Amino acid sequence: MEVLLTSTSSDDNMMVSRARAELSQPRASQLGEFITPNHLFFVRDHFVDRPVLSDDEWRLYLTGVGVEDRTVSLAHLRSLPSKSLTVTLECAGNGGYGRGADRQQHHMRSMVGTAVWRGVPVATLFKKEIPPEVTEFVFRGYDGGEDPDEPVSIDCYTRSIPRVKALDDDTLLVYEMNGEPLPQEHGFPVRLMVPGWYGMDSVKWIRSIEARSERVGHFYDDHRYRAQSTDAGLHAGRRVREMAVKSLVLHPSNGQRILLGDIPISGFAWAGENHVTGVDISFDGGQRWQPTELGDEVRPYSWRPWSLTYQADEVGPLDFVVRAVDSEGRSQPMDALPARTYEANWVQRVRVFVVAGLEP
């Protein structure tokens, strides 16, 4: 099938860090709703051009060990039993220290969002035909081209997912986002959704699924998304997969001028496949902590709102730090790791300025 390509473009609401192979995010203050509107959901592309696929021409190719080779149309996929999941998706490089043109990526903290995704479990398509020797599934997208950071040409974006996760009932082939067809920048007409794992595994513009009994190397498995320090070599370290516990301050913004009195402080925290059990805040650099108030509802794979009101009784700078804890007892590290590209889940430090009055 011939695939048309279109250059990336960004919504006016988004801050674009990299125009070539789009990397864009909203301002943190725009993420106040539990469900992130589609037009405010971060965008992370791997190539300059995006595939342009119509409902009618899109096909998903199924192949591999024990699989009867066949194709699936969008109409057929939509006819299968579907489910909706509310999932927080985070870019693996959110807040990390990128490479090449992305070295300032640590200023990007809102490459994260929560949406209601509707689709069909991957397992549904295979009808229990997968033999026990299959250990992983290879997911390929329709997107490809020159990598923006290295002189290498990629036929198609590819990620390998272990069998247990790939065939989990919550791993979906999604065609709706917040009740609407997937926007093109988010993988129209169908993308993979791997809940609880970083966004690079939720392959957009999905083209094929292959069942494999042995591992085969791929550029974005072996040469990217490794939990390495950049000074230790690009290919070092384990593969990045599960999202780490993390929090985000939505209000107030770093550097903001705020009036004396009650200061509402709020944000979200998330923990991938686990759930957030606490979010604490410190006003003395981490010596003493006090709990914030958590939103009542606990959903798997979703972020959880938190808030606290601080009484400011004197003018001047006010520093605070926020730390989340998950159901496994893991908390955010206090210190940033300047060489880390991915899994940048250290605490967020904010400084605001308390003033007696605001200039008109």
Protein backbone atom coordinates (compact mmCIF):
# COMPACT_ATOMS: atom_id res chain seq x y z
CA MET A 1 0.00 0.00 0.00
CA GLU A 2 1.35 3.43 -0.93
CA VAL A 3 1.43 5.75 2.06
CA LEU A 4 1.27 9.52 1.69
CA LEU A 5 3.36 11.61 4.06
CA THR A 6 2.81 15.06 5.48
CA SER A 7 5.16 17.40 7.31
CA THR A 8 4.53 17.91 11.01
CA SER A 9 2.78 20.97 12.33
CA SER A 10 1.82 22.07 15.82
CA ASP A 11 -1.30 23.53 17.39
CA ASP A 12 -1.00 27.19 18.37
CA ASN A 13 -1.51 26.20 22.02
CA MET A 14 1.61 24.06 22.06
CA MET A 15 5.21 25.01 22.79
CA VAL A 16 7.44 23.40 20.17
CA SER A 17 10.89 22.33 21.31
CA ARG A 18 11.81 20.73 18.00
CA ALA A 19 10.04 21.47 14.73
CA ARG A 20 11.90 18.72 12.82
CA ALA A 21 10.16 15.53 13.94
CA GLU A 22 7.77 17.35 16.22
CA LEU A 23 8.35 17.49 19.95
CA SER A 24 5.76 19.75 21.56
CA GLN A 25 3.94 20.19 24.83
CA PRO A 26 1.36 22.46 26.46
CA ARG A 27 2.22 24.72 29.35
CA ALA A 28 1.84 22.91 32.65
CA SER A 29 -0.78 25.43 33.72
CA GLN A 30 -2.97 24.24 30.82
CA LEU A 31 -3.17 20.70 32.22
CA GLY A 32 -5.66 21.45 34.98
CA GLU A 33 -8.36 19.07 33.77
CA PHE A 34 -8.20 15.40 34.75
CA ILE A 35 -8.74 14.44 31.10
CA THR A 36 -6.34 16.27 28.80
CA PRO A 37 -8.09 17.76 25.74
CA ASN A 38 -6.79 16.32 22.48
CA HIS A 39 -5.43 19.67 21.30
CA LEU A 40 -3.36 20.01 24.50
CA PHE A 41 -1.94 16.48 24.49
CA PHE A 42 1.83 16.40 23.96
CA VAL A 43 3.19 15.31 20.58
CA ARG A 44 6.35 13.28 20.09
CA ASP A 45 7.24 12.17 16.55
CA HIS A 46 10.33 10.22 15.53
CA PHE A 47 10.51 11.41 11.92
CA VAL A 48 9.85 14.58 9.94
CA ASP A 49 6.90 13.22 8.00
CA ARG A 50 3.73 11.62 9.31
CA PRO A 51 1.84 8.90 7.44
CA VAL A 52 -1.47 9.98 5.92
CA LEU A 53 -3.85 7.00 5.96
CA SER A 54 -7.56 6.88 5.23
CA ASP A 55 -10.07 4.70 7.08
CA ASP A 56 -10.60 2.57 3.99
CA GLU A 57 -7.00 1.97 2.98
CA TRP A 58 -5.47 1.27 6.41
CA ARG A 59 -4.52 -2.35 6.99
CA LEU A 60 -2.92 -4.14 9.93
CA TYR A 61 -0.73 -7.10 9.00
CA LEU A 62 -0.55 -10.05 11.39
CA THR A 63 2.28 -12.54 11.01
CA GLY A 64 4.85 -14.61 12.88
CA VAL A 65 5.33 -17.89 14.72
CA GLY A 66 2.08 -19.86 14.88
CA VAL A 67 0.13 -17.06 13.20
CA GLU A 68 -1.91 -17.45 10.05
CA ASP A 69 -0.79 -14.48 7.96
CA ARG A 70 -3.68 -12.10 7.40
CA THR A 71 -4.72 -8.47 7.33
CA VAL A 72 -7.23 -6.58 9.44
CA SER A 73 -9.22 -3.60 8.17
CA LEU A 74 -10.41 -0.73 10.33
CA ALA A 75 -14.02 -1.78 9.75
CA HIS A 76 -13.24 -5.28 11.02
CA LEU A 77 -11.31 -3.96 14.01
CA ARG A 78 -14.24 -1.72 14.97
CA SER A 79 -16.61 -4.70 14.75
CA LEU A 80 -14.74 -6.55 17.50
CA PRO A 81 -15.53 -6.18 21.24
CA SER A 82 -13.83 -3.03 22.47
CA LYS A 83 -13.03 -1.42 25.81
CA SER A 84 -12.17 2.04 27.10
CA LEU A 85 -9.26 2.80 29.42
CA THR A 86 -8.28 6.06 31.05
CA VAL A 87 -4.51 6.11 30.71
CA THR A 88 -1.82 8.63 31.58
CA LEU A 89 0.83 8.60 28.87
CA GLU A 90 4.26 10.13 29.43
CA CYS A 91 7.15 10.61 27.04
CA ALA A 92 10.19 8.68 28.29
CA GLY A 93 12.31 11.81 27.84
CA ASN A 94 9.96 14.11 29.74
CA GLY A 95 12.18 16.37 31.86
CA GLY A 96 15.32 14.44 30.91
CA TYR A 97 18.55 15.72 29.42
CA GLY A 98 18.20 14.97 25.72
CA ARG A 99 20.86 14.44 23.12
CA GLY A 100 21.85 16.55 20.14
CA ALA A 101 19.18 19.09 19.28
CA ASP A 102 17.21 18.01 22.35
CA ARG A 103 19.80 18.89 25.01
CA GLN A 104 17.42 21.44 26.53
CA GLN A 105 14.69 18.83 26.85
CA HIS A 106 14.89 19.01 30.68
CA HIS A 107 12.88 22.22 30.44
CA MET A 108 10.01 20.16 29.05
CA ARG A 109 8.03 18.85 32.02
CA SER A 110 4.55 18.55 30.53
CA MET A 111 5.18 15.84 27.94
CA VAL A 112 2.45 13.94 29.75
CA GLY A 113 -1.32 13.74 29.54
CA THR A 114 -4.33 11.61 30.35
CA ALA A 115 -6.96 10.52 27.84
CA VAL A 116 -9.78 8.01 27.49
CA TRP A 117 -8.66 5.54 24.83
CA ARG A 118 -11.03 3.08 23.14
CA GLY A 119 -9.87 0.05 21.22
CA VAL A 120 -9.55 -3.70 20.92
CA PRO A 121 -7.16 -5.83 23.02
CA VAL A 122 -4.25 -7.10 20.95
CA ALA A 123 -4.96 -10.57 22.35
CA THR A 124 -8.39 -10.58 20.70
CA LEU A 125 -6.83 -10.68 17.23
CA PHE A 126 -4.87 -13.84 17.88
CA LYS A 127 -7.68 -16.08 19.16
CA LYS A 128 -5.35 -18.01 21.46
CA GLU A 129 -3.37 -19.31 18.46
CA ILE A 130 0.01 -18.20 19.84
CA PRO A 131 2.23 -21.19 20.73
CA PRO A 132 4.17 -21.23 24.01
CA GLU A 133 7.53 -20.63 22.31
CA VAL A 134 6.53 -17.08 21.35
CA THR A 135 8.32 -14.70 23.72
CA GLU A 136 7.69 -11.27 22.23
CA PHE A 137 5.65 -9.31 19.73
CA VAL A 138 7.16 -6.82 17.31
CA PHE A 139 4.99 -3.78 16.55
CA ARG A 140 5.81 -1.70 13.47
CA GLY A 141 4.40 1.63 12.38
CA TYR A 142 3.82 3.20 8.99
CA ASP A 143 6.22 6.03 9.89
CA GLY A 144 9.87 6.00 8.89
CA GLY A 145 12.69 8.13 7.52
CA GLU A 146 15.88 9.78 8.69
CA ASP A 147 16.48 9.78 12.42
CA PRO A 148 16.73 13.44 13.54
CA ASP A 149 19.72 12.79 15.83
CA GLU A 150 21.85 10.20 14.03
CA PRO A 151 22.77 9.68 10.35
CA VAL A 152 20.65 6.58 9.95
CA SER A 153 17.62 5.82 7.80
CA ILE A 154 14.82 3.82 9.41
CA ASP A 155 12.36 1.80 7.34
CA CYS A 156 9.67 1.96 10.02
CA TYR A 157 9.40 2.76 13.70
CA THR A 158 9.58 -0.55 15.61
CA ARG A 159 9.18 -1.66 19.22
CA SER A 160 9.27 -5.15 20.73
CA ILE A 161 6.97 -5.93 23.66
CA PRO A 162 7.28 -9.06 25.85
CA ARG A 163 4.52 -11.60 25.37
CA VAL A 164 2.95 -11.14 28.82
CA LYS A 165 2.49 -7.40 28.34
CA ALA A 166 1.54 -7.57 24.66
CA LEU A 167 -1.26 -10.07 25.35
CA ASP A 168 -2.48 -8.36 28.52
CA ASP A 169 -6.18 -7.53 28.26
CA ASP A 170 -5.39 -3.84 28.75
CA THR A 171 -2.91 -3.57 25.86
CA LEU A 172 -5.07 -2.13 23.12
CA LEU A 173 -5.20 -1.20 19.47
CA VAL A 174 -6.97 2.12 19.90
CA TYR A 175 -8.94 4.11 17.35
CA GLU A 176 -10.59 6.70 19.62
CA MET A 177 -9.15 9.35 21.91
CA ASN A 178 -11.53 11.13 24.27
CA GLY A 179 -14.54 9.97 22.27
CA GLU A 180 -13.20 11.17 18.92
CA PRO A 181 -11.26 9.44 16.13
CA LEU A 182 -7.54 9.55 16.83
CA PRO A 183 -6.03 12.84 15.67
CA GLN A 184 -3.45 12.32 12.95
CA GLU A 185 -0.60 13.47 15.19
CA HIS A 186 -1.58 10.79 17.71
CA GLY A 187 -1.59 7.90 15.24
CA PHE A 188 -4.75 8.03 13.11
CA PRO A 189 -6.38 5.72 12.32
CA VAL A 190 -5.00 3.17 14.84
CA ARG A 191 -2.19 3.14 17.38
CA LEU A 192 -0.98 0.76 20.04
CA MET A 193 -1.65 1.66 23.67
CA VAL A 194 0.57 -0.01 26.28
CA PRO A 195 -0.78 1.34 29.59
CA GLY A 196 1.66 2.00 32.40
CA TRP A 197 4.67 2.05 30.06
CA TYR A 198 6.37 5.09 28.59
CA GLY A 199 4.95 6.46 25.37
CA MET A 200 7.61 5.12 22.99
CA ASP A 201 6.03 1.65 23.24
CA SER A 202 2.56 2.88 22.21
CA VAL A 203 3.43 2.76 18.50
CA LYS A 204 1.51 5.26 16.38
CA TRP A 205 0.14 4.57 12.87
CA ILE A 206 0.42 0.84 13.58
CA ARG A 207 1.18 -1.26 10.47
CA SER A 208 2.01 -4.80 11.59
CA ILE A 209 2.30 -7.17 14.53
CA GLU A 210 4.73 -10.09 14.40
CA ALA A 211 4.93 -12.94 16.93
CA ARG A 212 8.52 -14.04 17.53
CA SER A 213 10.22 -16.85 19.44
CA GLU A 214 13.62 -15.18 19.43
CA ARG A 215 14.80 -11.64 19.78
CA VAL A 216 15.70 -9.57 16.73
CA GLY A 217 17.44 -6.23 17.14
CA HIS A 218 15.81 -2.95 16.14
CA PHE A 219 17.26 0.55 16.21
CA TYR A 220 14.72 1.97 18.68
CA ASP A 221 15.01 -1.08 20.93
CA ASP A 222 18.78 -1.40 20.95
CA HIS A 223 20.08 2.11 20.32
CA ARG A 224 17.45 4.29 21.97
CA TYR A 225 15.29 4.26 25.06
CA ARG A 226 17.97 2.76 27.25
CA ALA A 227 18.24 3.76 30.91
CA GLN A 228 21.77 5.01 30.39
CA SER A 229 23.67 8.10 31.32
CA THR A 230 24.68 9.93 28.16
CA ASP A 231 28.30 9.87 29.27
CA ALA A 232 28.14 6.06 29.59
CA GLY A 233 27.30 5.55 25.94
CA LEU A 234 24.10 5.67 23.95
CA HIS A 235 23.62 1.90 23.88
CA ALA A 236 24.31 1.16 27.55
CA GLY A 237 21.79 0.10 30.16
CA ARG A 238 18.50 -1.76 30.36
CA ARG A 239 15.54 -1.01 28.14
CA VAL A 240 13.20 1.71 29.36
CA ARG A 241 9.68 0.36 29.85
CA GLU A 242 7.55 0.93 32.97
CA MET A 243 6.77 4.50 33.99
CA ALA A 244 8.36 5.65 37.26
CA VAL A 245 6.50 7.46 40.04
CA LYS A 246 6.45 11.20 39.35
CA SER A 247 4.64 14.43 40.18
CA LEU A 248 4.01 17.67 38.33
CA VAL A 249 3.25 21.10 39.80
CA LEU A 250 0.56 22.87 37.79
CA HIS A 251 0.09 25.91 40.01
CA PRO A 252 1.88 28.12 40.83
CA SER A 253 4.41 28.37 38.03
CA ASN A 254 8.11 28.68 38.70
CA GLY A 255 9.02 32.36 39.00
CA GLN A 256 5.42 33.51 39.46
CA ARG A 257 4.62 36.56 41.64
CA ILE A 258 1.91 35.76 44.20
CA LEU A 259 0.08 37.86 46.75
CA LEU A 260 0.50 37.44 50.48
CA GLY A 261 -2.00 35.11 52.12
CA ASP A 262 -3.38 31.76 51.05
CA ILE A 263 -1.45 30.22 48.14
CA PRO A 264 -3.12 27.22 46.48
CA ILE A 265 -0.57 24.68 45.26
CA SER A 266 -1.76 21.83 43.05
CA GLY A 267 -0.79 19.29 40.45
CA PHE A 268 -0.91 15.66 39.37
CA ALA A 269 1.10 12.56 40.28
CA TRP A 270 1.27 9.20 38.50
CA ALA A 271 2.99 5.85 38.87
CA GLY A 272 2.49 3.80 35.70
CA GLU A 273 1.25 0.30 36.49
CA ASN A 274 1.15 1.16 40.20
CA HIS A 275 -0.90 3.86 41.90
CA VAL A 276 -0.01 6.97 43.86
CA THR A 277 -0.42 6.62 47.63
CA GLY A 278 0.93 9.97 48.74
CA VAL A 279 2.25 13.33 47.61
CA ASP A 280 4.26 15.37 50.12
CA ILE A 281 5.56 18.92 49.98
CA SER A 282 8.50 20.54 51.74
CA PHE A 283 9.22 24.22 52.24
CA ASP A 284 12.69 23.74 53.73
CA GLY A 285 14.53 21.79 51.05
CA GLY A 286 13.34 18.37 52.14
CA GLN A 287 14.08 18.50 55.87
CA ARG A 288 10.40 18.37 56.84
CA TRP A 289 7.48 17.14 54.79
CA GLN A 290 3.74 17.60 55.01
CA PRO A 291 1.12 15.60 53.13
CA THR A 292 -1.04 17.13 50.44
CA GLU A 293 -4.68 16.24 49.87
CA LEU A 294 -5.15 13.55 47.23
CA GLY A 295 -8.07 13.14 44.88
CA ASP A 296 -10.36 10.37 46.11
CA GLU A 297 -10.57 8.26 42.98
CA VAL A 298 -7.75 5.80 42.34
CA ARG A 299 -7.67 4.46 38.79
CA PRO A 300 -5.13 2.03 37.36
CA TYR A 301 -2.73 3.68 34.89
CA SER A 302 -4.03 7.20 35.65
CA TRP A 303 -2.63 10.22 37.39
CA ARG A 304 -4.04 11.47 40.66
CA PRO A 305 -4.66 15.12 41.56
CA TRP A 306 -3.14 16.60 44.71
CA SER A 307 -3.43 20.00 46.38
CA LEU A 308 -2.41 22.03 49.43
CA THR A 309 -3.01 25.60 50.59
CA TYR A 310 0.02 27.38 52.04
CA GLN A 311 -0.31 30.45 54.25
CA ALA A 312 2.32 32.99 53.18
CA ASP A 313 2.74 35.65 55.85
CA GLU A 314 5.85 37.45 54.60
CA VAL A 315 7.09 38.77 51.28
CA GLY A 316 10.10 37.37 49.44
CA PRO A 317 11.07 34.18 47.65
CA LEU A 318 9.24 31.00 48.58
CA ASP A 319 10.81 27.66 47.64
CA PHE A 320 9.10 24.31 47.77
CA VAL A 321 9.65 20.79 46.53
CA VAL A 322 7.07 18.07 45.81
CA ARG A 323 7.60 14.31 46.11
CA ALA A 324 5.23 11.45 45.20
CA VAL A 325 5.17 7.90 46.61
CA ASP A 326 3.63 4.86 44.92
CA SER A 327 1.96 1.63 46.04
CA GLU A 328 5.31 -0.19 45.93
CA GLY A 329 6.82 2.27 48.40
CA ARG A 330 8.97 3.96 45.78
CA SER A 331 9.42 7.72 45.94
CA GLN A 332 10.94 10.30 43.65
CA PRO A 333 14.68 10.84 44.05
CA MET A 334 15.66 14.20 45.52
CA ASP A 335 18.58 14.92 43.22
CA ALA A 336 18.56 15.44 39.46
CA LEU A 337 20.87 13.32 37.32
CA PRO A 338 22.16 15.73 34.66
CA ALA A 339 23.39 12.95 32.37
CA ARG A 340 20.10 11.04 32.31
CA THR A 341 18.09 11.11 29.10
CA TYR A 342 15.08 9.02 30.17
CA GLU A 343 13.07 8.24 33.33
CA ALA A 344 13.74 11.72 34.74
CA ASN A 345 11.48 11.34 37.76
CA TRP A 346 13.39 13.40 40.31
CA VAL A 347 11.46 15.90 42.41
CA GLN A 348 10.34 19.22 40.98
CA ARG A 349 11.62 22.33 42.73
CA VAL A 350 9.65 25.57 42.44
CA ARG A 351 10.45 29.13 43.49
CA VAL A 352 7.76 31.81 43.58
CA PHE A 353 7.89 35.39 44.83
CA VAL A 354 5.43 36.51 47.48
CA VAL A 355 4.55 40.19 47.14
CA ALA A 356 2.35 42.63 49.04
CA GLY A 357 0.60 43.79 45.89
CA LEU A 358 0.60 43.15 42.15
CA GLU A 359 1.29 45.93 39.68
CA PRO A 360 -1.69 46.76 37.45
